[in-house]
N, C-alpha and C. Protein backbone atom coordinates (compact mmCIF):
# COMPACT_ATOMS: atom_id res chain seq x y z
N MET A 1 115.07 93.23 96.43
CA MET A 1 115.33 91.19 97.23
C MET A 1 114.74 91.58 98.67
N ILE A 2 113.64 90.80 99.21
CA ILE A 2 113.95 90.54 100.16
C ILE A 2 113.62 89.24 100.33
N CYS A 3 114.74 89.06 101.48
CA CYS A 3 115.06 88.08 102.45
C CYS A 3 113.83 88.02 103.77
N ILE A 4 113.57 86.18 103.73
CA ILE A 4 112.81 86.11 104.87
C ILE A 4 113.02 85.64 106.26
N SER A 5 112.77 86.16 107.15
CA SER A 5 113.25 85.81 108.16
C SER A 5 112.26 84.11 108.37
N ASN A 6 113.17 83.53 109.32
CA ASN A 6 112.22 82.49 109.76
C ASN A 6 110.76 82.79 110.71
N GLY A 7 110.71 84.29 110.96
CA GLY A 7 109.16 84.51 111.29
C GLY A 7 108.35 84.58 110.68
N LEU A 8 108.55 84.27 108.70
CA LEU A 8 108.40 84.87 107.88
C LEU A 8 107.63 83.59 107.62
N ILE A 9 108.51 82.61 107.10
CA ILE A 9 108.89 81.20 106.06
C ILE A 9 107.95 80.46 106.61
N PRO A 10 107.30 79.03 106.27
CA PRO A 10 106.38 78.24 106.39
C PRO A 10 107.64 76.72 106.85
N ASP A 11 106.97 76.09 107.82
CA ASP A 11 108.14 74.59 108.04
C ASP A 11 108.15 73.72 106.19
N LEU A 12 109.45 74.20 105.69
CA LEU A 12 109.58 73.50 104.66
C LEU A 12 110.34 72.54 104.04
N GLY A 13 110.67 72.08 105.29
CA GLY A 13 111.26 70.49 105.54
C GLY A 13 112.00 69.87 104.43
N GLY A 14 113.39 70.59 104.25
CA GLY A 14 114.18 69.98 103.60
C GLY A 14 114.26 70.48 101.91
N LEU A 15 113.81 71.70 102.04
CA LEU A 15 114.23 72.52 101.11
C LEU A 15 115.80 72.57 100.71
N ALA A 16 116.20 73.23 99.82
CA ALA A 16 117.55 73.35 99.60
C ALA A 16 117.89 75.08 100.48
N GLU A 17 119.36 75.16 100.66
CA GLU A 17 119.36 76.11 100.91
C GLU A 17 119.42 77.12 100.77
N GLU A 18 118.96 78.63 101.01
CA GLU A 18 118.79 80.27 100.79
C GLU A 18 120.26 80.28 99.69
N ASN A 19 120.02 80.77 98.48
CA ASN A 19 120.78 81.25 97.74
C ASN A 19 121.38 79.87 96.87
N SER A 20 120.87 78.61 97.20
CA SER A 20 121.22 77.32 96.42
C SER A 20 121.54 77.34 94.90
N GLY A 21 122.13 76.96 93.81
CA GLY A 21 122.37 77.41 92.47
C GLY A 21 121.81 78.30 91.65
N ALA A 22 121.55 79.33 92.86
CA ALA A 22 121.20 80.70 92.38
C ALA A 22 122.40 81.81 91.47
N GLU A 23 122.75 82.38 92.50
CA GLU A 23 124.94 82.87 92.38
C GLU A 23 124.76 82.12 91.35
N ASN A 24 125.41 80.96 90.95
CA ASN A 24 126.22 79.86 90.55
C ASN A 24 125.40 79.63 89.69
N ALA A 25 124.25 80.03 89.02
CA ALA A 25 123.65 79.17 87.71
C ALA A 25 124.46 79.95 85.78
N VAL A 26 125.00 81.03 86.61
CA VAL A 26 125.29 82.02 85.43
C VAL A 26 126.20 81.00 84.21
N GLY A 27 127.30 80.57 84.32
CA GLY A 27 127.98 80.01 83.67
C GLY A 27 126.98 79.17 82.72
N ASN A 28 126.63 78.31 83.92
CA ASN A 28 125.63 77.10 82.58
C ASN A 28 124.69 77.39 82.18
N VAL A 29 124.06 78.46 81.58
CA VAL A 29 122.62 78.71 81.35
C VAL A 29 123.41 79.45 79.61
N SER A 30 122.33 78.89 78.97
CA SER A 30 122.49 79.45 77.54
C SER A 30 121.80 81.13 77.13
N SER A 31 122.74 81.45 76.84
CA SER A 31 122.00 82.91 76.87
C SER A 31 121.54 82.98 75.23
N SER A 32 120.69 83.98 75.25
CA SER A 32 119.08 84.33 74.15
C SER A 32 119.87 85.61 74.26
N ALA A 33 119.62 85.53 72.33
CA ALA A 33 120.31 87.22 71.61
C ALA A 33 119.06 87.91 72.52
N GLU A 34 117.82 88.07 73.05
CA GLU A 34 117.04 89.32 73.45
C GLU A 34 116.35 88.47 74.43
N PRO A 35 115.83 89.18 75.14
CA PRO A 35 115.18 89.66 76.37
C PRO A 35 113.62 89.62 75.85
N VAL A 36 112.96 88.42 76.57
CA VAL A 36 111.77 88.83 76.30
C VAL A 36 110.85 89.87 76.53
N VAL A 37 110.93 90.59 77.65
CA VAL A 37 110.90 91.92 78.19
C VAL A 37 112.29 92.45 79.32
N GLN A 38 112.43 93.21 79.57
CA GLN A 38 113.42 94.14 80.76
C GLN A 38 112.87 95.43 81.07
N PHE A 39 113.17 95.80 82.35
CA PHE A 39 113.06 96.73 83.23
C PHE A 39 113.45 97.15 83.95
N SER A 40 113.27 98.70 84.57
CA SER A 40 114.08 99.45 86.24
C SER A 40 113.46 98.99 86.86
N TYR A 41 113.41 99.59 88.15
CA TYR A 41 112.33 99.42 89.14
C TYR A 41 112.86 99.50 90.59
N ASP A 42 112.28 99.84 91.55
CA ASP A 42 112.25 100.37 93.07
C ASP A 42 111.63 99.60 93.58
N ASN A 43 111.37 99.83 95.50
CA ASN A 43 110.38 98.86 96.02
C ASN A 43 110.73 99.96 97.41
N THR A 44 109.13 100.40 97.42
CA THR A 44 108.66 101.00 98.74
C THR A 44 108.97 100.22 99.84
N LEU A 45 109.03 101.34 101.04
CA LEU A 45 108.69 100.52 102.19
C LEU A 45 106.92 99.37 102.34
N GLU A 46 106.01 100.37 101.43
CA GLU A 46 104.80 100.13 101.23
C GLU A 46 104.42 98.86 101.08
N GLU A 47 105.36 99.13 99.43
CA GLU A 47 105.39 97.60 98.54
C GLU A 47 106.19 96.51 99.04
N ILE A 48 106.91 96.53 99.62
CA ILE A 48 107.67 95.26 100.40
C ILE A 48 106.73 94.96 101.39
N ASP A 49 106.47 95.87 102.71
CA ASP A 49 104.96 94.83 103.21
C ASP A 49 103.80 94.33 103.00
N GLY A 50 103.11 94.52 101.67
CA GLY A 50 102.10 93.56 101.08
C GLY A 50 102.84 92.68 100.24
N ALA A 51 104.27 92.95 99.98
CA ALA A 51 104.60 91.67 99.31
C ALA A 51 104.41 90.74 100.27
N MET A 52 105.32 91.00 101.57
CA MET A 52 104.95 89.97 102.61
C MET A 52 103.84 89.13 102.89
N LYS A 53 102.77 90.55 102.88
CA LYS A 53 101.24 90.08 103.12
C LYS A 53 100.88 88.74 102.47
N SER A 54 101.11 89.40 101.05
CA SER A 54 101.08 87.89 99.79
C SER A 54 102.37 87.18 100.49
N PHE A 55 103.29 86.39 100.51
CA PHE A 55 104.14 85.50 100.88
C PHE A 55 103.52 84.99 101.80
N GLN A 56 103.14 85.56 102.62
CA GLN A 56 102.53 85.10 104.21
C GLN A 56 101.15 84.25 103.59
N ALA A 57 100.60 84.49 102.59
CA ALA A 57 98.91 83.88 102.81
C ALA A 57 99.15 83.15 102.10
N ARG A 58 100.19 82.65 100.95
CA ARG A 58 100.75 82.03 99.99
C ARG A 58 100.63 80.90 100.82
N PHE A 59 101.83 80.82 102.06
CA PHE A 59 103.25 79.90 102.38
C PHE A 59 102.66 80.24 103.84
N LYS A 60 101.30 79.66 104.34
CA LYS A 60 101.32 79.29 106.00
C LYS A 60 101.70 79.01 106.68
N SER A 61 102.48 79.45 107.66
CA SER A 61 103.50 78.53 108.44
C SER A 61 102.50 77.16 109.54
N LYS A 62 102.39 76.56 109.34
CA LYS A 62 102.27 75.22 110.40
C LYS A 62 102.34 75.32 111.67
N ARG A 63 103.54 75.90 111.97
CA ARG A 63 104.12 76.05 113.24
C ARG A 63 102.93 76.77 113.70
N GLY A 64 102.71 78.37 113.14
CA GLY A 64 101.71 79.39 112.99
C GLY A 64 100.45 78.75 113.27
N ILE A 65 99.78 78.00 113.07
CA ILE A 65 98.65 77.72 112.84
C ILE A 65 98.32 76.68 114.05
N PHE A 66 99.28 75.54 114.13
CA PHE A 66 99.45 74.79 115.46
C PHE A 66 99.74 75.71 116.94
N SER A 67 100.28 76.58 117.05
CA SER A 67 99.88 77.61 118.21
C SER A 67 99.03 77.82 118.20
N ILE A 68 98.25 79.02 117.37
CA ILE A 68 96.83 79.33 117.16
C ILE A 68 96.03 78.71 117.83
N ALA A 69 95.94 77.20 117.61
CA ALA A 69 95.20 76.22 117.87
C ALA A 69 94.83 75.84 119.08
N ALA A 70 96.48 75.34 119.15
CA ALA A 70 96.93 74.92 120.66
C ALA A 70 95.74 75.76 121.75
N TYR A 71 97.14 77.28 121.94
CA TYR A 71 96.23 78.16 122.67
C TYR A 71 95.02 78.11 122.61
N SER A 72 94.25 78.30 121.71
CA SER A 72 92.74 78.05 121.62
C SER A 72 91.84 77.28 122.71
N LEU A 73 92.30 76.33 122.70
CA LEU A 73 91.91 74.49 122.76
C LEU A 73 92.24 74.83 124.31
N ILE A 74 93.53 75.07 124.86
CA ILE A 74 93.98 74.94 126.40
C ILE A 74 93.32 75.98 126.70
N THR A 75 92.74 77.70 126.14
CA THR A 75 92.58 78.37 127.19
C THR A 75 91.00 78.59 127.24
N ALA A 76 90.13 78.15 125.84
CA ALA A 76 88.61 77.00 126.64
C ALA A 76 88.11 75.78 127.97
N ALA A 77 89.64 75.39 128.12
CA ALA A 77 89.41 74.16 128.77
C ALA A 77 89.75 74.98 130.20
N VAL A 78 90.30 75.98 130.05
CA VAL A 78 90.97 76.99 131.15
C VAL A 78 89.70 78.05 131.47
N ILE A 79 88.57 78.04 130.79
CA ILE A 79 87.71 78.57 131.04
C ILE A 79 86.37 77.85 131.71
N VAL A 80 86.32 76.97 131.08
CA VAL A 80 86.11 75.65 131.82
C VAL A 80 86.21 75.83 132.83
N SER A 81 87.62 75.27 133.24
CA SER A 81 87.63 75.16 134.63
C SER A 81 87.37 76.41 135.65
N ILE A 82 86.92 77.79 135.37
CA ILE A 82 86.98 78.91 136.01
C ILE A 82 85.58 78.68 136.19
N VAL A 83 84.98 78.39 135.44
CA VAL A 83 83.14 77.90 135.24
C VAL A 83 82.78 77.20 136.60
N ILE A 84 83.47 75.67 136.67
CA ILE A 84 83.44 75.16 137.60
C ILE A 84 83.75 75.51 138.63
N ASN A 85 84.91 76.07 138.96
CA ASN A 85 85.83 75.43 140.30
C ASN A 85 86.39 77.85 140.38
N PRO A 86 85.89 78.95 140.21
CA PRO A 86 85.72 80.23 140.46
C PRO A 86 86.53 80.25 141.60
N THR A 87 87.27 80.07 142.18
CA THR A 87 87.83 80.20 143.29
C THR A 87 89.86 80.03 143.07
N SER A 88 89.97 79.37 141.82
CA SER A 88 90.79 78.34 141.65
C SER A 88 91.78 79.68 141.19
N VAL A 89 92.59 80.05 142.29
CA VAL A 89 93.79 81.20 141.85
C VAL A 89 94.53 80.20 140.18
N PHE A 90 95.09 79.19 140.64
CA PHE A 90 95.97 78.73 139.44
C PHE A 90 94.88 78.82 138.03
N ALA A 91 93.86 78.20 138.16
CA ALA A 91 93.01 78.53 136.72
C ALA A 91 93.03 80.30 136.37
N TYR A 92 93.18 81.38 136.76
CA TYR A 92 93.39 82.26 136.81
C TYR A 92 94.99 82.75 135.69
N ALA A 93 95.56 82.30 136.56
CA ALA A 93 96.85 82.52 136.59
C ALA A 93 97.13 81.56 135.07
N ALA A 94 96.52 80.52 134.78
CA ALA A 94 97.08 79.55 133.56
C ALA A 94 96.34 80.59 132.58
N LEU A 95 94.72 81.44 132.93
CA LEU A 95 94.35 82.35 132.06
C LEU A 95 95.25 83.25 131.04
N LEU A 96 95.43 83.55 131.93
CA LEU A 96 96.35 85.08 131.76
C LEU A 96 97.37 84.71 130.46
N PHE A 97 98.24 83.64 131.18
CA PHE A 97 99.61 82.82 130.35
C PHE A 97 98.94 82.08 128.90
N CYS A 98 97.67 81.44 129.13
CA CYS A 98 97.66 81.14 127.51
C CYS A 98 96.85 82.54 126.73
N ALA A 99 96.49 83.99 127.52
CA ALA A 99 95.67 84.32 126.39
C ALA A 99 96.89 85.06 126.08
N VAL A 100 98.03 85.44 126.31
CA VAL A 100 99.14 86.31 126.21
C VAL A 100 99.68 85.33 125.02
N GLY A 101 99.77 84.28 125.44
CA GLY A 101 100.05 82.96 124.22
C GLY A 101 99.33 82.81 123.25
N LEU A 102 98.44 83.21 122.94
CA LEU A 102 97.52 83.28 121.85
C LEU A 102 97.31 84.32 120.73
N ILE A 103 97.60 85.75 122.25
CA ILE A 103 97.91 87.07 121.27
C ILE A 103 98.85 87.09 120.74
N TYR A 104 99.79 86.69 120.91
CA TYR A 104 101.50 86.65 120.55
C TYR A 104 101.87 85.17 119.60
N SER A 105 101.13 84.72 119.48
CA SER A 105 100.96 83.81 118.34
C SER A 105 100.14 84.41 117.07
N ILE A 106 99.01 84.56 117.14
CA ILE A 106 98.28 85.69 116.11
C ILE A 106 98.96 86.93 115.58
N THR A 107 99.70 87.17 117.05
CA THR A 107 100.35 88.51 115.80
C THR A 107 101.37 88.32 115.82
N ASP A 108 102.31 86.57 115.22
CA ASP A 108 103.41 86.65 115.22
C ASP A 108 104.06 87.16 113.70
N ARG A 109 103.33 87.92 112.81
CA ARG A 109 103.58 87.49 111.36
C ARG A 109 102.91 89.34 111.26
N SER A 110 102.28 89.78 112.03
CA SER A 110 102.77 91.22 112.03
C SER A 110 103.91 91.80 112.59
N ARG A 111 104.14 91.08 113.36
CA ARG A 111 105.20 91.04 114.10
C ARG A 111 106.89 91.32 113.45
N ALA A 112 106.47 89.74 112.41
CA ALA A 112 107.86 89.42 111.87
C ALA A 112 107.97 90.68 110.60
N ARG A 113 106.69 91.15 109.71
CA ARG A 113 106.64 92.14 108.74
C ARG A 113 107.35 93.22 109.65
N ARG A 114 107.23 93.83 110.87
CA ARG A 114 107.29 95.26 111.42
C ARG A 114 108.85 95.17 111.52
N ARG A 115 109.86 93.66 111.51
CA ARG A 115 110.88 93.99 112.18
C ARG A 115 111.65 94.11 110.96
N THR A 116 111.39 93.60 109.76
CA THR A 116 111.71 93.72 108.73
C THR A 116 112.25 94.71 108.46
N ILE A 117 111.09 95.36 108.03
CA ILE A 117 110.62 97.25 107.49
C ILE A 117 111.20 97.84 108.36
N ASP A 118 111.40 98.01 109.75
CA ASP A 118 112.52 99.01 110.64
C ASP A 118 114.04 98.34 109.51
N ALA A 119 114.08 96.94 109.64
CA ALA A 119 115.46 96.65 109.48
C ALA A 119 115.89 97.59 107.78
N LEU A 120 114.89 97.50 107.04
CA LEU A 120 115.21 97.91 105.65
C LEU A 120 115.36 99.60 105.41
N ARG A 121 114.41 100.19 106.52
CA ARG A 121 114.37 101.77 106.61
C ARG A 121 116.24 101.99 107.33
N ASP A 122 116.81 101.39 107.78
CA ASP A 122 118.31 101.57 107.92
C ASP A 122 119.85 101.09 107.14
N MET A 123 118.96 100.65 105.90
CA MET A 123 119.33 99.98 104.73
C MET A 123 119.46 101.49 103.28
N ASN A 124 120.59 101.02 102.85
CA ASN A 124 120.97 101.83 101.74
C ASN A 124 119.68 101.59 100.17
N PRO A 125 119.50 102.72 99.77
CA PRO A 125 118.66 102.45 99.37
C PRO A 125 119.04 101.66 97.62
N GLU A 126 118.15 100.43 97.68
CA GLU A 126 118.48 99.29 96.14
C GLU A 126 118.00 100.20 94.93
N GLU A 127 118.31 100.11 93.46
CA GLU A 127 117.64 99.92 92.77
C GLU A 127 117.77 98.46 91.48
N TYR A 128 117.58 98.28 90.85
CA TYR A 128 116.96 96.82 90.30
C TYR A 128 116.71 96.89 88.83
N SER A 129 117.29 96.19 87.69
CA SER A 129 116.94 95.93 86.61
C SER A 129 116.86 94.34 86.34
N ALA A 130 115.87 93.98 85.52
CA ALA A 130 115.76 92.53 85.91
C ALA A 130 115.47 92.30 84.15
N ALA A 131 115.63 91.25 83.66
CA ALA A 131 115.96 91.11 82.21
C ALA A 131 115.55 89.87 81.69
N PHE A 132 114.07 89.09 81.25
CA PHE A 132 113.58 87.98 81.24
C PHE A 132 113.52 87.37 79.88
N TYR A 133 114.38 86.10 79.72
CA TYR A 133 115.00 85.77 78.85
C TYR A 133 113.68 83.63 78.93
N ASN A 134 113.60 83.62 77.52
CA ASN A 134 113.14 81.81 77.36
C ASN A 134 113.84 80.65 78.69
N ASP A 135 114.08 81.26 78.74
CA ASP A 135 114.82 80.21 80.46
C ASP A 135 115.40 80.71 81.18
N LYS A 136 115.87 81.78 81.23
CA LYS A 136 115.88 82.29 82.50
C LYS A 136 115.67 83.85 82.92
N ILE A 137 116.47 83.85 84.20
CA ILE A 137 115.48 85.24 84.75
C ILE A 137 117.11 86.41 85.20
N GLU A 138 117.85 87.40 84.49
CA GLU A 138 118.72 87.89 85.12
C GLU A 138 117.78 89.84 86.64
N ILE A 139 118.38 89.62 87.26
CA ILE A 139 118.27 90.64 88.12
C ILE A 139 119.31 91.10 88.64
N ASP A 140 119.89 92.36 88.31
CA ASP A 140 120.71 93.64 89.01
C ASP A 140 120.63 94.20 89.54
N THR A 141 121.28 94.01 91.04
CA THR A 141 120.63 95.16 92.22
C THR A 141 121.93 95.83 92.30
N VAL A 142 121.48 96.85 92.33
CA VAL A 142 122.21 98.54 92.38
C VAL A 142 122.50 98.47 93.85
N ILE A 143 123.37 98.97 94.93
CA ILE A 143 123.28 99.88 95.94
C ILE A 143 123.69 101.00 96.52
N LYS A 144 122.79 101.93 96.41
CA LYS A 144 123.21 103.51 96.52
C LYS A 144 123.31 103.95 97.57
N PRO A 145 124.15 105.26 97.59
CA PRO A 145 124.27 105.83 99.19
C PRO A 145 123.47 106.46 99.61
N LYS A 146 122.94 106.78 100.99
CA LYS A 146 121.83 107.73 101.37
C LYS A 146 121.96 108.82 100.96
N ALA A 147 120.63 109.61 101.30
CA ALA A 147 121.59 111.17 100.97
C ALA A 147 122.57 111.30 101.69
N ASN A 148 122.40 111.24 103.12
CA ASN A 148 123.68 112.21 104.31
C ASN A 148 124.17 111.37 104.48
N GLU A 149 125.02 110.47 104.04
CA GLU A 149 125.90 109.15 103.46
C GLU A 149 127.49 109.94 103.14
N VAL A 150 128.25 110.07 104.05
CA VAL A 150 129.93 110.61 103.70
C VAL A 150 130.56 108.94 103.50
N ARG A 151 130.91 109.65 102.05
CA ARG A 151 132.06 107.90 101.22
C ARG A 151 133.16 109.35 100.98
N VAL A 152 133.90 108.24 101.06
CA VAL A 152 135.90 108.36 100.71
C VAL A 152 135.51 108.42 99.64
N LYS A 153 136.10 108.85 98.40
CA LYS A 153 136.14 108.49 97.00
C LYS A 153 137.74 108.11 97.27
N ILE A 154 138.48 106.66 96.68
CA ILE A 154 139.78 106.19 96.66
C ILE A 154 139.96 106.26 95.14
N ASP A 155 139.28 105.58 94.00
CA ASP A 155 139.25 105.80 93.05
C ASP A 155 138.55 106.79 92.06
N GLU A 156 139.47 107.57 91.78
CA GLU A 156 139.30 108.59 90.77
C GLU A 156 138.02 108.33 89.77
N GLN A 157 138.48 106.90 89.17
CA GLN A 157 137.47 106.75 87.69
C GLN A 157 135.69 106.24 88.05
N ALA A 158 135.67 106.05 89.91
CA ALA A 158 134.55 105.13 90.55
C ALA A 158 133.58 106.52 90.94
N ASP A 159 132.20 105.52 90.54
CA ASP A 159 131.17 106.68 90.21
C ASP A 159 130.35 107.06 91.79
N ASP A 160 130.44 108.08 92.00
CA ASP A 160 130.23 108.74 93.10
C ASP A 160 129.08 107.80 93.59
N GLU A 161 127.58 107.99 92.90
CA GLU A 161 126.53 107.92 92.80
C GLU A 161 126.15 105.86 93.00
N ALA A 162 127.09 105.12 92.62
CA ALA A 162 126.51 103.64 92.55
C ALA A 162 127.76 102.45 92.58
N ILE A 163 127.20 101.42 93.45
CA ILE A 163 128.63 100.77 93.38
C ILE A 163 128.20 99.81 92.08
N SER A 164 129.03 98.70 92.16
CA SER A 164 129.01 97.77 91.05
C SER A 164 127.48 97.16 91.02
N PRO A 165 126.70 97.06 89.85
CA PRO A 165 125.30 96.02 90.62
C PRO A 165 125.71 94.19 90.60
N LEU A 166 125.40 93.98 91.39
CA LEU A 166 125.49 92.67 92.01
C LEU A 166 124.31 91.87 90.81
N LYS A 167 124.80 90.66 90.17
CA LYS A 167 123.97 90.08 89.20
C LYS A 167 123.60 88.75 89.88
N THR A 168 121.97 88.60 89.47
CA THR A 168 121.25 87.59 90.19
C THR A 168 120.74 85.81 88.65
N THR A 169 121.16 85.44 88.77
CA THR A 169 120.64 84.52 87.70
C THR A 169 119.42 83.60 88.35
N PHE A 170 118.41 83.41 87.50
CA PHE A 170 117.84 82.28 88.22
C PHE A 170 117.36 80.99 86.75
N VAL A 171 117.30 79.92 86.87
CA VAL A 171 117.32 79.28 85.78
C VAL A 171 115.88 78.10 85.82
N ILE A 172 115.13 79.09 84.16
CA ILE A 172 113.94 78.33 84.59
C ILE A 172 113.66 76.40 84.33
N GLY A 173 113.01 76.24 85.36
CA GLY A 173 113.51 74.75 85.82
C GLY A 173 114.39 73.81 86.43
N ASP A 174 115.44 75.28 86.91
CA ASP A 174 116.18 74.13 87.86
C ASP A 174 115.85 74.78 89.69
N ASP A 175 115.94 75.97 89.57
CA ASP A 175 115.77 76.80 90.70
C ASP A 175 114.17 76.88 91.05
N LEU A 176 113.86 76.77 92.05
CA LEU A 176 112.67 76.57 93.04
C LEU A 176 111.99 77.68 93.02
N LEU A 177 111.08 78.34 91.72
CA LEU A 177 110.58 79.72 91.80
C LEU A 177 109.32 79.83 91.69
N GLU A 178 108.43 80.58 92.09
CA GLU A 178 107.07 80.37 91.76
C GLU A 178 106.87 81.75 92.25
N PHE A 179 104.84 81.78 91.70
CA PHE A 179 104.70 83.45 91.47
C PHE A 179 103.47 83.81 92.15
N ILE A 180 103.26 84.64 92.20
CA ILE A 180 102.63 86.17 93.18
C ILE A 180 101.62 87.00 92.29
N GLU A 181 101.16 87.40 93.01
CA GLU A 181 100.46 88.00 92.32
C GLU A 181 99.35 89.12 92.86
N ASN A 182 100.00 90.63 93.34
CA ASN A 182 98.38 91.14 94.24
C ASN A 182 98.39 92.82 93.93
N ASP A 183 97.81 93.47 94.70
CA ASP A 183 96.77 94.33 93.58
C ASP A 183 98.50 96.01 93.17
N GLU A 184 99.81 95.62 94.34
CA GLU A 184 100.61 96.33 93.69
C GLU A 184 101.44 95.71 92.97
N SER A 185 102.08 94.85 92.91
CA SER A 185 102.80 93.91 92.41
C SER A 185 102.94 92.95 91.75
N LEU A 186 104.02 92.21 90.89
CA LEU A 186 103.75 90.83 90.60
C LEU A 186 105.43 90.26 91.44
N LEU A 187 105.00 89.38 91.90
CA LEU A 187 106.75 88.88 93.15
C LEU A 187 106.71 87.03 92.23
N LEU A 188 108.07 87.78 92.21
CA LEU A 188 108.84 85.63 91.93
C LEU A 188 109.76 86.01 93.18
N VAL A 189 109.38 84.32 94.08
CA VAL A 189 109.14 83.72 95.13
C VAL A 189 111.23 82.46 94.70
N PHE A 190 111.82 82.95 95.47
CA PHE A 190 112.51 81.56 95.25
C PHE A 190 113.09 80.57 96.30
N ASN A 191 112.72 79.71 96.04
CA ASN A 191 113.00 78.54 96.92
C ASN A 191 112.25 78.64 98.79
N ARG A 192 111.07 80.06 98.40
CA ARG A 192 110.41 80.40 99.57
C ARG A 192 110.77 80.98 100.59
N GLN A 193 112.14 82.03 100.42
CA GLN A 193 112.26 82.35 101.20
C GLN A 193 112.33 83.95 100.59
N GLN A 194 112.96 84.10 99.50
CA GLN A 194 112.75 85.37 99.28
C GLN A 194 112.06 86.50 98.15
N ILE A 195 111.62 86.98 98.05
CA ILE A 195 110.73 87.46 97.55
C ILE A 195 111.44 88.66 95.95
N TYR A 196 111.28 88.58 95.29
CA TYR A 196 111.17 89.91 94.15
C TYR A 196 110.46 90.72 94.08
N CYS A 197 109.92 91.88 94.44
CA CYS A 197 108.80 92.68 94.31
C CYS A 197 108.82 93.37 92.59
N PHE A 198 108.34 93.27 91.39
CA PHE A 198 107.76 93.86 91.07
C PHE A 198 107.07 94.65 90.60
N PRO A 199 107.18 96.06 91.20
CA PRO A 199 106.05 97.19 91.25
C PRO A 199 105.14 97.09 90.16
N LYS A 200 104.04 97.45 90.21
CA LYS A 200 103.32 97.71 88.78
C LYS A 200 103.33 99.20 87.84
N ARG A 201 103.89 99.40 88.61
CA ARG A 201 103.67 101.32 89.16
C ARG A 201 105.21 101.69 87.88
N CYS A 202 106.46 101.01 88.31
CA CYS A 202 107.00 100.63 87.51
C CYS A 202 107.43 100.43 85.86
N LEU A 203 106.10 99.39 85.70
CA LEU A 203 106.30 99.15 84.47
C LEU A 203 104.77 99.40 83.90
N SER A 204 104.79 99.58 82.11
CA SER A 204 103.98 99.94 81.01
C SER A 204 102.78 98.77 80.88
N VAL A 205 101.65 98.90 80.51
CA VAL A 205 101.20 97.91 80.52
C VAL A 205 101.16 96.77 79.80
N GLU A 206 101.92 97.29 78.37
CA GLU A 206 102.69 96.52 78.06
C GLU A 206 103.62 95.46 78.50
N GLN A 207 104.47 96.22 79.39
CA GLN A 207 105.64 94.86 80.20
C GLN A 207 103.99 93.87 80.96
N GLU A 208 103.57 94.64 82.18
CA GLU A 208 102.93 94.10 83.23
C GLU A 208 102.40 92.73 82.36
N ASP A 209 101.60 92.56 81.33
CA ASP A 209 101.47 91.85 80.65
C ASP A 209 102.35 90.61 80.19
N LYS A 210 103.51 91.32 80.04
CA LYS A 210 104.21 90.42 79.56
C LYS A 210 105.16 89.49 80.30
N VAL A 211 105.86 90.03 81.80
CA VAL A 211 105.98 89.74 82.81
C VAL A 211 104.99 88.67 83.64
N ARG A 212 103.56 89.21 83.28
CA ARG A 212 102.45 88.71 83.93
C ARG A 212 102.41 86.34 83.49
N ASP A 213 102.33 86.91 81.90
CA ASP A 213 102.31 85.91 81.38
C ASP A 213 103.34 85.00 81.27
N PHE A 214 104.36 86.07 81.34
CA PHE A 214 106.13 85.12 81.12
C PHE A 214 105.55 83.89 82.89
N LEU A 215 105.79 84.56 83.76
CA LEU A 215 105.65 84.21 85.06
C LEU A 215 104.61 83.03 85.15
N THR A 216 103.28 83.35 84.53
CA THR A 216 102.17 82.55 84.45
C THR A 216 102.49 80.86 84.23
N GLU A 217 103.18 81.17 82.92
CA GLU A 217 103.47 80.25 82.24
C GLU A 217 104.18 79.44 82.44
N LYS A 218 105.79 80.06 82.89
CA LYS A 218 107.08 78.94 83.38
C LYS A 218 106.56 78.57 84.85
N LEU A 219 106.26 78.94 85.62
CA LEU A 219 105.98 78.61 87.15
C LEU A 219 104.62 78.75 87.56
N SER A 220 104.51 78.75 88.54
CA SER A 220 103.32 78.00 89.97
C SER A 220 102.46 79.97 89.70
N GLY A 221 101.44 80.10 88.85
CA GLY A 221 101.24 80.86 89.27
C GLY A 221 99.88 81.36 90.30
N GLN A 222 99.63 82.38 91.11
CA GLN A 222 98.59 81.99 91.45
C GLN A 222 98.51 84.18 91.48
N SER A 223 97.05 84.84 91.82
CA SER A 223 97.18 85.88 91.69
C SER A 223 95.88 86.27 92.96
N GLU A 224 96.34 86.87 94.01
CA GLU A 224 95.62 87.42 95.01
C GLU A 224 94.98 89.25 94.39
N ASN A 225 94.68 89.45 93.40
CA ASN A 225 93.85 90.71 93.50
C ASN A 225 92.66 90.75 94.48
């Protein structure tokens, strides 16, 4: 799961707070006998970066677009001013300021992705299992220790390799869920702030088709192949 920072999310204007309703939905969901499809997976940093790119392409930030447009117009005006009065020191200083602002605005999304990837490199690896039912989606997250991490075992019965899984349940029709597909993964977006990345390399052809059909039918499907 990828939690999106403010550098990536668009202007949402009143959406429910992050995680609202998802974690507490377990008791309100009627259980189904058998899942439509279930599978286990993990995420590489390359897949996460691709997922964030797809997210940014789907949900463009109004603030970012406005900043680029504003800096572009001001830069053009300053250039015209320099052409009219090439001896103006103030105009050259303003041009430098606008150029820096324009470059900063254009590269904002890539810098946000890089910060997220750098933070994930320092985190413990995670493994996931997902089960898709007709009325809900359940995802278990298992946080595993790093290869060089030293752990003190307090409980002799405890698993040396993994911490107890964390369960997240999404209710179809109640939670704000959207579907995106790119070349590497099928993406489940919650509340336009979290991305669950299901890599195609971890799915059989049959599982991939079932997940795609489920998300396309139940949610807002959009492919970015």
